[in-house]
Amino acid sequence: MKRILIGSVIVFALAGIVLAAAAAGQEAAKPAKPVKEEFGGYVILVAAGPMTGRSTRVTMTVDRWTTDEEKAGLLKALQEGGSDAMLKVMRKMTVGYIRTTRSLRYALNFASTFQTEKGRVVRLVTERPISFVEAMRPTRSEDYEFGVIEFTLNEKGKGEGVIVPTAKIGFNKAGDLEVETLGTGPQKLTNVKKD
């Protein structure tokens, strides 16, 4: 798994999106079993006006993990139709929910977990809520339709990561999956643990 952070662009190698079994063998996908895992942490707010530098609690509930078949479908939609096509497929999937102390909960559309030498990685993607004002006044931010979260837990089940609240997903020239942020870049996610 390769992840590179360059300025405000995060690059994921394709191997991390489509698991080897789905890409190579096209084995029959098994339905995802409910797991109900809940993770909590604190996000340090960046460029948030008077809230800049403060932290707020974020809770991420995963009801099930995205299947290999669903990952392959998302990748195919992205390759063939771009982020809008992927978003349409994602909207049919609800794998859990995310909320902060200052917001209502909203759906997580993608959840993946895998082990690395640094620990257990959890990657979550959601459709970013677009406000009424934002929709009425078309801005560049409307192209950033996703929220992306990634954190790594150590052997004690604690860790940290990043939240990209306004993200655009696509491919770079090397064929790697690229997550581009709008504005200030990823926000730090700290004190993450499984609740």
N, C-alpha and C. Protein backbone atom coordinates (compact mmCIF):
# COMPACT_ATOMS: atom_id res chain seq x y z
N MET A 1 0.85 -1.18 0.00
CA MET A 1 0.00 0.00 0.00
C MET A 1 0.89 1.23 0.00
N LYS A 2 0.68 2.08 -0.96
CA LYS A 2 1.47 3.31 -1.05
C LYS A 2 0.54 4.49 -0.88
N ARG A 3 0.90 5.40 0.00
CA ARG A 3 0.14 6.62 0.16
C ARG A 3 1.15 7.75 0.22
N ILE A 4 0.97 8.72 -0.64
CA ILE A 4 1.92 9.83 -0.70
C ILE A 4 1.14 11.12 -0.48
N LEU A 5 1.64 11.95 0.40
CA LEU A 5 1.02 13.26 0.62
C LEU A 5 1.92 14.31 0.00
N ILE A 6 1.40 15.00 -1.03
CA ILE A 6 2.16 16.03 -1.73
C ILE A 6 1.36 17.32 -1.64
N GLY A 7 1.79 18.23 -0.80
CA GLY A 7 1.04 19.47 -0.65
C GLY A 7 -0.37 19.16 -0.18
N SER A 8 -1.34 19.43 -1.03
CA SER A 8 -2.72 19.14 -0.66
C SER A 8 -3.29 18.01 -1.51
N VAL A 9 -2.42 17.10 -1.94
CA VAL A 9 -2.88 15.95 -2.73
C VAL A 9 -2.40 14.67 -2.06
N ILE A 10 -3.31 13.75 -1.83
CA ILE A 10 -2.96 12.44 -1.29
C ILE A 10 -3.10 11.44 -2.42
N VAL A 11 -2.09 10.60 -2.60
CA VAL A 11 -2.11 9.62 -3.68
C VAL A 11 -2.14 8.22 -3.08
N PHE A 12 -3.10 7.41 -3.51
CA PHE A 12 -3.20 6.02 -3.07
C PHE A 12 -2.91 5.12 -4.25
N ALA A 13 -2.06 4.13 -4.07
CA ALA A 13 -1.83 3.16 -5.14
C ALA A 13 -3.11 2.38 -5.37
N LEU A 14 -3.38 2.01 -6.61
CA LEU A 14 -4.60 1.29 -6.95
C LEU A 14 -4.75 0.00 -6.17
N ALA A 15 -3.65 -0.62 -5.81
CA ALA A 15 -3.73 -1.88 -5.09
C ALA A 15 -4.48 -1.74 -3.78
N GLY A 16 -4.49 -0.56 -3.22
CA GLY A 16 -5.19 -0.36 -1.96
C GLY A 16 -6.69 -0.24 -2.13
N ILE A 17 -7.16 0.02 -3.34
CA ILE A 17 -8.59 0.18 -3.55
C ILE A 17 -9.24 -1.14 -3.94
N VAL A 18 -8.63 -1.85 -4.83
CA VAL A 18 -9.17 -3.15 -5.23
C VAL A 18 -8.27 -4.22 -4.65
N LEU A 19 -8.78 -5.04 -3.77
CA LEU A 19 -7.98 -6.08 -3.16
C LEU A 19 -7.56 -7.09 -4.20
N ALA A 20 -6.48 -7.79 -3.93
CA ALA A 20 -5.92 -8.73 -4.90
C ALA A 20 -6.95 -9.76 -5.34
N ALA A 21 -7.76 -10.23 -4.44
CA ALA A 21 -8.75 -11.26 -4.80
C ALA A 21 -9.75 -10.74 -5.82
N ALA A 22 -10.15 -9.49 -5.66
CA ALA A 22 -11.14 -8.93 -6.58
C ALA A 22 -10.50 -8.63 -7.93
N ALA A 23 -9.27 -8.13 -7.92
CA ALA A 23 -8.62 -7.72 -9.16
C ALA A 23 -8.12 -8.93 -9.96
N ALA A 24 -7.56 -9.91 -9.29
CA ALA A 24 -6.94 -11.03 -10.00
C ALA A 24 -7.92 -12.16 -10.25
N GLY A 25 -8.52 -12.69 -9.21
CA GLY A 25 -9.30 -13.91 -9.36
C GLY A 25 -10.76 -13.70 -9.69
N GLN A 26 -11.28 -12.52 -9.48
CA GLN A 26 -12.71 -12.27 -9.67
C GLN A 26 -13.53 -13.36 -8.98
N GLU A 27 -13.11 -13.73 -7.76
CA GLU A 27 -13.83 -14.74 -7.00
C GLU A 27 -15.21 -14.21 -6.64
N ALA A 28 -16.11 -15.13 -6.38
CA ALA A 28 -17.46 -14.73 -5.99
C ALA A 28 -17.39 -13.95 -4.69
N ALA A 29 -17.94 -12.76 -4.69
CA ALA A 29 -17.89 -11.92 -3.50
C ALA A 29 -18.88 -12.41 -2.46
N LYS A 30 -18.41 -12.47 -1.23
CA LYS A 30 -19.28 -12.88 -0.14
C LYS A 30 -19.93 -11.63 0.43
N PRO A 31 -21.21 -11.73 0.83
CA PRO A 31 -21.84 -10.55 1.42
C PRO A 31 -21.11 -10.13 2.69
N ALA A 32 -21.03 -8.84 2.91
CA ALA A 32 -20.34 -8.33 4.09
C ALA A 32 -21.16 -8.65 5.33
N LYS A 33 -20.48 -9.16 6.34
CA LYS A 33 -21.15 -9.44 7.60
C LYS A 33 -21.18 -8.17 8.44
N PRO A 34 -22.29 -7.94 9.15
CA PRO A 34 -22.33 -6.77 10.03
C PRO A 34 -21.21 -6.85 11.06
N VAL A 35 -20.58 -5.73 11.33
CA VAL A 35 -19.46 -5.72 12.27
C VAL A 35 -19.67 -4.78 13.46
N LYS A 36 -20.32 -3.69 13.23
CA LYS A 36 -20.61 -2.66 14.24
C LYS A 36 -19.37 -2.30 15.06
N GLU A 37 -18.47 -1.57 14.44
CA GLU A 37 -17.31 -1.04 15.15
C GLU A 37 -17.45 0.48 15.21
N GLU A 38 -17.11 1.03 16.37
CA GLU A 38 -17.20 2.48 16.53
C GLU A 38 -15.83 3.02 16.92
N PHE A 39 -15.44 4.11 16.26
CA PHE A 39 -14.15 4.75 16.51
C PHE A 39 -14.40 6.20 16.88
N GLY A 40 -13.62 6.72 17.78
CA GLY A 40 -13.75 8.12 18.16
C GLY A 40 -12.39 8.79 18.16
N GLY A 41 -12.40 10.09 17.95
CA GLY A 41 -11.16 10.86 17.97
C GLY A 41 -11.49 12.34 17.97
N TYR A 42 -10.45 13.15 17.84
CA TYR A 42 -10.63 14.60 17.83
C TYR A 42 -9.98 15.18 16.59
N VAL A 43 -10.74 16.04 15.91
CA VAL A 43 -10.19 16.72 14.73
C VAL A 43 -9.83 18.14 15.14
N ILE A 44 -8.63 18.54 14.75
CA ILE A 44 -8.17 19.91 15.02
C ILE A 44 -8.60 20.76 13.84
N LEU A 45 -9.44 21.76 14.11
CA LEU A 45 -10.03 22.57 13.05
C LEU A 45 -9.02 23.56 12.47
N VAL A 46 -8.96 23.58 11.15
CA VAL A 46 -8.05 24.47 10.43
C VAL A 46 -8.90 25.39 9.55
N ALA A 47 -8.56 26.65 9.49
CA ALA A 47 -9.28 27.64 8.67
C ALA A 47 -10.78 27.60 8.94
N ALA A 48 -11.14 27.61 10.23
CA ALA A 48 -12.55 27.54 10.63
C ALA A 48 -12.98 28.81 11.35
N GLY A 49 -12.45 29.96 10.91
CA GLY A 49 -12.81 31.24 11.52
C GLY A 49 -12.42 31.27 12.99
N PRO A 50 -13.37 31.66 13.86
CA PRO A 50 -13.04 31.76 15.29
C PRO A 50 -12.75 30.41 15.94
N MET A 51 -13.10 29.31 15.26
CA MET A 51 -12.87 27.96 15.79
C MET A 51 -11.48 27.42 15.40
N THR A 52 -10.72 28.16 14.60
CA THR A 52 -9.41 27.68 14.15
C THR A 52 -8.52 27.32 15.33
N GLY A 53 -7.91 26.13 15.24
CA GLY A 53 -7.02 25.66 16.30
C GLY A 53 -7.71 24.87 17.39
N ARG A 54 -9.02 24.94 17.44
CA ARG A 54 -9.76 24.17 18.45
C ARG A 54 -10.02 22.77 17.92
N SER A 55 -10.43 21.90 18.82
CA SER A 55 -10.73 20.53 18.39
C SER A 55 -12.18 20.20 18.70
N THR A 56 -12.71 19.24 17.95
CA THR A 56 -14.06 18.75 18.20
C THR A 56 -14.04 17.24 18.08
N ARG A 57 -14.87 16.58 18.83
CA ARG A 57 -14.91 15.11 18.81
C ARG A 57 -15.64 14.64 17.56
N VAL A 58 -15.11 13.60 16.95
CA VAL A 58 -15.76 12.96 15.80
C VAL A 58 -15.93 11.48 16.12
N THR A 59 -17.13 10.97 15.82
CA THR A 59 -17.44 9.56 16.05
C THR A 59 -17.76 8.92 14.71
N MET A 60 -17.11 7.80 14.42
CA MET A 60 -17.28 7.09 13.16
C MET A 60 -17.78 5.68 13.46
N THR A 61 -18.99 5.36 13.02
CA THR A 61 -19.58 4.05 13.25
C THR A 61 -19.59 3.27 11.95
N VAL A 62 -18.96 2.11 11.95
CA VAL A 62 -18.95 1.23 10.78
C VAL A 62 -19.87 0.06 11.06
N ASP A 63 -20.96 -0.06 10.29
CA ASP A 63 -21.90 -1.17 10.44
C ASP A 63 -21.44 -2.39 9.64
N ARG A 64 -20.73 -2.13 8.54
CA ARG A 64 -20.18 -3.22 7.72
C ARG A 64 -19.06 -2.65 6.86
N TRP A 65 -18.14 -3.54 6.43
CA TRP A 65 -17.05 -3.13 5.56
C TRP A 65 -17.45 -3.28 4.10
N THR A 66 -17.00 -2.40 3.26
CA THR A 66 -17.28 -2.46 1.83
C THR A 66 -16.68 -3.75 1.26
N THR A 67 -17.47 -4.47 0.45
CA THR A 67 -17.01 -5.74 -0.11
C THR A 67 -16.05 -5.51 -1.28
N ASP A 68 -15.30 -6.55 -1.62
CA ASP A 68 -14.39 -6.47 -2.77
C ASP A 68 -15.17 -6.17 -4.05
N GLU A 69 -16.35 -6.75 -4.17
CA GLU A 69 -17.18 -6.52 -5.36
C GLU A 69 -17.60 -5.05 -5.44
N GLU A 70 -17.97 -4.46 -4.31
CA GLU A 70 -18.35 -3.05 -4.29
C GLU A 70 -17.15 -2.15 -4.62
N LYS A 71 -15.97 -2.51 -4.10
CA LYS A 71 -14.76 -1.73 -4.40
C LYS A 71 -14.47 -1.76 -5.90
N ALA A 72 -14.59 -2.94 -6.49
CA ALA A 72 -14.35 -3.07 -7.93
C ALA A 72 -15.36 -2.24 -8.72
N GLY A 73 -16.62 -2.22 -8.27
CA GLY A 73 -17.66 -1.42 -8.93
C GLY A 73 -17.38 0.07 -8.85
N LEU A 74 -16.91 0.52 -7.70
CA LEU A 74 -16.57 1.94 -7.53
C LEU A 74 -15.40 2.32 -8.41
N LEU A 75 -14.39 1.46 -8.45
CA LEU A 75 -13.22 1.73 -9.27
C LEU A 75 -13.59 1.79 -10.75
N LYS A 76 -14.42 0.86 -11.18
CA LYS A 76 -14.85 0.82 -12.58
C LYS A 76 -15.63 2.10 -12.93
N ALA A 77 -16.54 2.51 -12.02
CA ALA A 77 -17.32 3.73 -12.26
C ALA A 77 -16.40 4.95 -12.36
N LEU A 78 -15.40 5.01 -11.50
CA LEU A 78 -14.46 6.14 -11.52
C LEU A 78 -13.64 6.15 -12.81
N GLN A 79 -13.18 4.98 -13.23
CA GLN A 79 -12.37 4.88 -14.45
C GLN A 79 -13.19 5.24 -15.69
N GLU A 80 -14.43 4.80 -15.73
CA GLU A 80 -15.25 4.97 -16.94
C GLU A 80 -16.03 6.29 -16.98
N GLY A 81 -16.44 6.80 -15.82
CA GLY A 81 -17.29 7.98 -15.82
C GLY A 81 -16.85 9.11 -14.92
N GLY A 82 -15.70 8.95 -14.27
CA GLY A 82 -15.22 10.00 -13.39
C GLY A 82 -15.89 10.00 -12.03
N SER A 83 -15.63 11.05 -11.26
CA SER A 83 -16.11 11.11 -9.88
C SER A 83 -17.63 11.18 -9.78
N ASP A 84 -18.31 11.80 -10.77
CA ASP A 84 -19.77 11.86 -10.73
C ASP A 84 -20.38 10.46 -10.83
N ALA A 85 -19.81 9.62 -11.69
CA ALA A 85 -20.29 8.25 -11.83
C ALA A 85 -20.02 7.45 -10.56
N MET A 86 -18.85 7.67 -9.97
CA MET A 86 -18.54 6.97 -8.72
C MET A 86 -19.48 7.40 -7.60
N LEU A 87 -19.80 8.68 -7.56
CA LEU A 87 -20.69 9.19 -6.54
C LEU A 87 -22.08 8.56 -6.65
N LYS A 88 -22.56 8.36 -7.87
CA LYS A 88 -23.87 7.73 -8.07
C LYS A 88 -23.88 6.31 -7.51
N VAL A 89 -22.79 5.58 -7.72
CA VAL A 89 -22.69 4.21 -7.19
C VAL A 89 -22.58 4.26 -5.67
N MET A 90 -21.78 5.18 -5.16
CA MET A 90 -21.59 5.30 -3.71
C MET A 90 -22.88 5.60 -2.98
N ARG A 91 -23.74 6.40 -3.59
CA ARG A 91 -24.99 6.79 -2.92
C ARG A 91 -25.88 5.60 -2.61
N LYS A 92 -25.67 4.48 -3.31
CA LYS A 92 -26.46 3.27 -3.07
C LYS A 92 -25.92 2.45 -1.91
N MET A 93 -24.78 2.86 -1.38
CA MET A 93 -24.13 2.12 -0.29
C MET A 93 -24.13 2.95 0.99
N THR A 94 -24.61 2.39 2.05
CA THR A 94 -24.46 3.00 3.36
C THR A 94 -23.81 1.95 4.25
N VAL A 95 -22.61 2.25 4.71
CA VAL A 95 -21.87 1.27 5.51
C VAL A 95 -21.73 1.71 6.97
N GLY A 96 -22.18 2.90 7.28
CA GLY A 96 -22.09 3.41 8.64
C GLY A 96 -22.41 4.88 8.68
N TYR A 97 -21.98 5.54 9.74
CA TYR A 97 -22.31 6.95 9.94
C TYR A 97 -21.15 7.68 10.60
N ILE A 98 -21.10 8.99 10.38
CA ILE A 98 -20.12 9.85 11.02
C ILE A 98 -20.85 11.06 11.60
N ARG A 99 -20.36 11.53 12.75
CA ARG A 99 -20.95 12.73 13.35
C ARG A 99 -19.90 13.40 14.23
N THR A 100 -20.09 14.68 14.45
CA THR A 100 -19.25 15.42 15.40
C THR A 100 -20.16 15.93 16.51
N THR A 101 -19.55 16.52 17.51
CA THR A 101 -20.36 17.08 18.60
C THR A 101 -21.19 18.26 18.13
N ARG A 102 -20.84 18.83 16.94
CA ARG A 102 -21.53 20.01 16.44
C ARG A 102 -22.38 19.74 15.19
N SER A 103 -22.60 18.45 14.87
CA SER A 103 -23.35 18.17 13.64
C SER A 103 -24.28 16.98 13.80
N LEU A 104 -25.23 16.89 12.89
CA LEU A 104 -26.04 15.69 12.78
C LEU A 104 -25.18 14.59 12.17
N ARG A 105 -25.61 13.35 12.30
CA ARG A 105 -24.84 12.28 11.66
C ARG A 105 -25.18 12.24 10.17
N TYR A 106 -24.20 11.79 9.38
CA TYR A 106 -24.48 11.55 7.97
C TYR A 106 -23.77 10.28 7.55
N ALA A 107 -24.22 9.74 6.41
CA ALA A 107 -23.83 8.39 6.02
C ALA A 107 -22.38 8.29 5.57
N LEU A 108 -21.75 7.17 5.95
CA LEU A 108 -20.48 6.75 5.36
C LEU A 108 -20.84 5.83 4.21
N ASN A 109 -20.20 6.02 3.06
CA ASN A 109 -20.52 5.24 1.87
C ASN A 109 -19.46 4.20 1.53
N PHE A 110 -18.31 4.29 2.18
CA PHE A 110 -17.22 3.36 1.90
C PHE A 110 -16.43 3.17 3.18
N ALA A 111 -16.10 1.91 3.51
CA ALA A 111 -15.29 1.62 4.69
C ALA A 111 -14.38 0.45 4.37
N SER A 112 -13.09 0.65 4.59
CA SER A 112 -12.11 -0.40 4.32
C SER A 112 -11.11 -0.44 5.46
N THR A 113 -10.65 -1.63 5.80
CA THR A 113 -9.63 -1.78 6.81
C THR A 113 -8.62 -2.82 6.36
N PHE A 114 -7.35 -2.59 6.68
CA PHE A 114 -6.30 -3.53 6.30
C PHE A 114 -5.12 -3.33 7.23
N GLN A 115 -4.29 -4.34 7.32
CA GLN A 115 -3.15 -4.34 8.22
C GLN A 115 -1.88 -3.92 7.47
N THR A 116 -1.08 -3.09 8.10
CA THR A 116 0.23 -2.72 7.56
C THR A 116 1.26 -2.93 8.67
N GLU A 117 2.52 -2.72 8.35
CA GLU A 117 3.56 -2.87 9.37
C GLU A 117 3.45 -1.82 10.46
N LYS A 118 2.77 -0.70 10.16
CA LYS A 118 2.59 0.36 11.16
C LYS A 118 1.34 0.15 12.02
N GLY A 119 0.46 -0.77 11.60
CA GLY A 119 -0.75 -1.03 12.37
C GLY A 119 -1.95 -1.21 11.47
N ARG A 120 -3.13 -1.19 12.09
CA ARG A 120 -4.38 -1.36 11.37
C ARG A 120 -4.83 -0.02 10.78
N VAL A 121 -5.02 0.02 9.46
CA VAL A 121 -5.46 1.23 8.78
C VAL A 121 -6.96 1.14 8.54
N VAL A 122 -7.66 2.22 8.82
CA VAL A 122 -9.09 2.33 8.52
C VAL A 122 -9.26 3.51 7.57
N ARG A 123 -9.94 3.27 6.44
CA ARG A 123 -10.19 4.31 5.43
C ARG A 123 -11.70 4.42 5.22
N LEU A 124 -12.23 5.63 5.31
CA LEU A 124 -13.66 5.89 5.19
C LEU A 124 -13.88 7.00 4.16
N VAL A 125 -14.95 6.88 3.38
CA VAL A 125 -15.30 7.92 2.40
C VAL A 125 -16.79 8.19 2.51
N THR A 126 -17.16 9.45 2.40
CA THR A 126 -18.55 9.86 2.45
C THR A 126 -18.83 10.92 1.40
N GLU A 127 -20.07 11.04 1.02
CA GLU A 127 -20.47 12.16 0.16
C GLU A 127 -20.54 13.40 1.04
N ARG A 128 -19.87 14.44 0.62
CA ARG A 128 -19.85 15.67 1.42
C ARG A 128 -21.17 16.42 1.29
N PRO A 129 -21.76 16.78 2.43
CA PRO A 129 -22.98 17.58 2.34
C PRO A 129 -22.68 18.96 1.75
N ILE A 130 -23.45 19.34 0.74
CA ILE A 130 -23.28 20.67 0.13
C ILE A 130 -24.42 21.55 0.61
N SER A 131 -24.06 22.70 1.17
CA SER A 131 -25.07 23.58 1.77
C SER A 131 -25.94 24.23 0.69
N PHE A 132 -27.09 24.72 1.11
CA PHE A 132 -28.03 25.40 0.22
C PHE A 132 -27.37 26.62 -0.41
N VAL A 133 -26.65 27.40 0.41
CA VAL A 133 -25.99 28.61 -0.09
C VAL A 133 -24.94 28.24 -1.13
N GLU A 134 -24.18 27.18 -0.87
CA GLU A 134 -23.15 26.74 -1.80
C GLU A 134 -23.76 26.31 -3.14
N ALA A 135 -24.90 25.62 -3.07
CA ALA A 135 -25.58 25.16 -4.29
C ALA A 135 -26.18 26.32 -5.08
N MET A 136 -26.62 27.35 -4.38
CA MET A 136 -27.24 28.50 -5.05
C MET A 136 -26.20 29.37 -5.76
N ARG A 137 -25.00 29.43 -5.20
CA ARG A 137 -23.92 30.22 -5.79
C ARG A 137 -22.82 29.27 -6.23
N PRO A 138 -22.90 28.76 -7.45
CA PRO A 138 -21.90 27.78 -7.88
C PRO A 138 -20.47 28.27 -7.65
N THR A 139 -19.71 27.43 -6.93
CA THR A 139 -18.32 27.75 -6.64
C THR A 139 -17.46 26.53 -6.96
N ARG A 140 -16.17 26.74 -6.92
CA ARG A 140 -15.23 25.66 -7.16
C ARG A 140 -15.40 24.52 -6.16
N SER A 141 -15.87 24.83 -4.96
CA SER A 141 -16.00 23.82 -3.90
C SER A 141 -17.00 22.72 -4.26
N GLU A 142 -17.94 23.01 -5.17
CA GLU A 142 -18.91 21.98 -5.55
C GLU A 142 -18.26 20.79 -6.26
N ASP A 143 -17.08 20.98 -6.82
CA ASP A 143 -16.36 19.89 -7.46
C ASP A 143 -15.71 18.95 -6.45
N TYR A 144 -15.66 19.38 -5.20
CA TYR A 144 -15.05 18.58 -4.13
C TYR A 144 -16.18 17.91 -3.35
N GLU A 145 -16.63 16.78 -3.89
CA GLU A 145 -17.89 16.17 -3.44
C GLU A 145 -17.72 15.11 -2.35
N PHE A 146 -16.49 14.84 -1.94
CA PHE A 146 -16.25 13.74 -1.02
C PHE A 146 -15.59 14.21 0.27
N GLY A 147 -15.78 13.42 1.31
CA GLY A 147 -15.03 13.55 2.55
C GLY A 147 -14.26 12.25 2.72
N VAL A 148 -12.98 12.35 3.05
CA VAL A 148 -12.13 11.17 3.19
C VAL A 148 -11.46 11.18 4.56
N ILE A 149 -11.49 10.02 5.22
CA ILE A 149 -10.87 9.88 6.54
C ILE A 149 -9.95 8.67 6.49
N GLU A 150 -8.75 8.83 7.04
CA GLU A 150 -7.86 7.68 7.17
C GLU A 150 -7.12 7.79 8.48
N PHE A 151 -7.08 6.69 9.23
CA PHE A 151 -6.30 6.66 10.47
C PHE A 151 -5.68 5.29 10.65
N THR A 152 -4.60 5.25 11.43
CA THR A 152 -3.88 4.02 11.72
C THR A 152 -3.90 3.78 13.22
N LEU A 153 -4.28 2.57 13.62
CA LEU A 153 -4.31 2.18 15.02
C LEU A 153 -3.14 1.27 15.32
N ASN A 154 -2.45 1.51 16.43
CA ASN A 154 -1.34 0.66 16.81
C ASN A 154 -1.84 -0.61 17.50
N GLU A 155 -0.92 -1.41 18.04
CA GLU A 155 -1.31 -2.69 18.65
C GLU A 155 -2.17 -2.50 19.90
N LYS A 156 -2.16 -1.29 20.48
CA LYS A 156 -3.00 -1.00 21.65
C LYS A 156 -4.35 -0.43 21.25
N GLY A 157 -4.59 -0.33 19.92
CA GLY A 157 -5.88 0.18 19.44
C GLY A 157 -6.00 1.68 19.49
N LYS A 158 -4.87 2.40 19.53
CA LYS A 158 -4.89 3.86 19.56
C LYS A 158 -4.08 4.39 18.38
N GLY A 159 -4.43 5.59 17.91
CA GLY A 159 -3.68 6.12 16.78
C GLY A 159 -4.10 7.51 16.39
N GLU A 160 -3.73 7.87 15.15
CA GLU A 160 -4.08 9.18 14.61
C GLU A 160 -4.17 9.08 13.09
N GLY A 161 -4.63 10.14 12.47
CA GLY A 161 -4.78 10.14 11.02
C GLY A 161 -5.15 11.51 10.50
N VAL A 162 -5.88 11.52 9.40
CA VAL A 162 -6.29 12.77 8.77
C VAL A 162 -7.75 12.70 8.34
N ILE A 163 -8.36 13.86 8.28
CA ILE A 163 -9.69 14.03 7.69
C ILE A 163 -9.55 15.05 6.57
N VAL A 164 -10.04 14.68 5.40
CA VAL A 164 -10.09 15.62 4.28
C VAL A 164 -11.58 15.91 4.07
N PRO A 165 -12.09 17.01 4.65
CA PRO A 165 -13.53 17.26 4.61
C PRO A 165 -14.06 17.68 3.24
N THR A 166 -13.19 18.21 2.39
CA THR A 166 -13.59 18.65 1.06
C THR A 166 -12.60 18.09 0.06
N ALA A 167 -12.99 16.98 -0.59
CA ALA A 167 -12.03 16.27 -1.44
C ALA A 167 -12.59 16.00 -2.83
N LYS A 168 -11.65 15.92 -3.77
CA LYS A 168 -11.95 15.51 -5.14
C LYS A 168 -11.16 14.22 -5.38
N ILE A 169 -11.79 13.22 -5.99
CA ILE A 169 -11.14 11.92 -6.21
C ILE A 169 -10.99 11.67 -7.70
N GLY A 170 -9.81 11.25 -8.11
CA GLY A 170 -9.56 10.95 -9.52
C GLY A 170 -8.26 10.20 -9.67
N PHE A 171 -7.75 10.12 -10.89
CA PHE A 171 -6.50 9.44 -11.17
C PHE A 171 -5.46 10.43 -11.64
N ASN A 172 -4.21 10.20 -11.24
CA ASN A 172 -3.12 11.02 -11.78
C ASN A 172 -2.55 10.35 -13.03
N LYS A 173 -1.52 10.94 -13.62
CA LYS A 173 -0.96 10.41 -14.87
C LYS A 173 -0.32 9.05 -14.69
N ALA A 174 0.11 8.74 -13.46
CA ALA A 174 0.73 7.43 -13.18
C ALA A 174 -0.31 6.35 -12.97
N GLY A 175 -1.58 6.73 -12.93
CA GLY A 175 -2.65 5.75 -12.75
C GLY A 175 -2.98 5.47 -11.29
N ASP A 176 -2.40 6.25 -10.36
CA ASP A 176 -2.71 6.08 -8.95
C ASP A 176 -3.96 6.89 -8.61
N LEU A 177 -4.69 6.39 -7.63
CA LEU A 177 -5.86 7.11 -7.14
C LEU A 177 -5.38 8.32 -6.36
N GLU A 178 -5.96 9.48 -6.66
CA GLU A 178 -5.51 10.73 -6.08
C GLU A 178 -6.66 11.42 -5.36
N VAL A 179 -6.41 11.83 -4.13
CA VAL A 179 -7.40 12.59 -3.36
C VAL A 179 -6.86 14.01 -3.22
N GLU A 180 -7.54 14.94 -3.87
CA GLU A 180 -7.11 16.34 -3.85
C GLU A 180 -7.98 17.11 -2.87
N THR A 181 -7.35 17.92 -2.03
CA THR A 181 -8.10 18.69 -1.05
C THR A 181 -8.34 20.11 -1.55
N LEU A 182 -9.36 20.73 -1.01
CA LEU A 182 -9.66 22.12 -1.33
C LEU A 182 -9.13 22.99 -0.19
N GLY A 183 -8.34 23.96 -0.52
CA GLY A 183 -7.90 24.91 0.50
C GLY A 183 -6.73 24.43 1.33
N THR A 184 -6.95 24.33 2.63
CA THR A 184 -5.85 24.14 3.57
C THR A 184 -5.31 22.72 3.65
N GLY A 185 -5.94 21.76 3.04
CA GLY A 185 -5.42 20.40 3.08
C GLY A 185 -6.02 19.59 4.21
N PRO A 186 -5.45 18.40 4.43
CA PRO A 186 -5.99 17.50 5.45
C PRO A 186 -5.96 18.12 6.84
N GLN A 187 -6.94 17.77 7.64
CA GLN A 187 -6.98 18.21 9.02
C GLN A 187 -6.59 17.03 9.90
N LYS A 188 -5.84 17.29 10.94
CA LYS A 188 -5.29 16.23 11.77
C LYS A 188 -6.38 15.59 12.64
N LEU A 189 -6.37 14.27 12.68
CA LEU A 189 -7.27 13.50 13.52
C LEU A 189 -6.42 12.87 14.62
N THR A 190 -6.69 13.21 15.87
CA THR A 190 -5.84 12.77 16.98
C THR A 190 -6.63 11.94 18.00
N ASN A 191 -5.87 11.28 18.86
CA ASN A 191 -6.45 10.49 19.96
C ASN A 191 -7.54 9.54 19.48
N VAL A 192 -7.28 8.89 18.35
CA VAL A 192 -8.27 7.96 17.79
C VAL A 192 -8.19 6.65 18.54
N LYS A 193 -9.34 6.08 18.86
CA LYS A 193 -9.38 4.75 19.46
C LYS A 193 -10.71 4.09 19.16
N LYS A 194 -10.72 2.79 19.28
CA LYS A 194 -11.96 2.04 19.10
C LYS A 194 -12.77 2.18 20.38
N ASP A 195 -14.02 2.68 20.25
CA ASP A 195 -14.87 2.87 21.43
C ASP A 195 -15.56 1.59 21.83
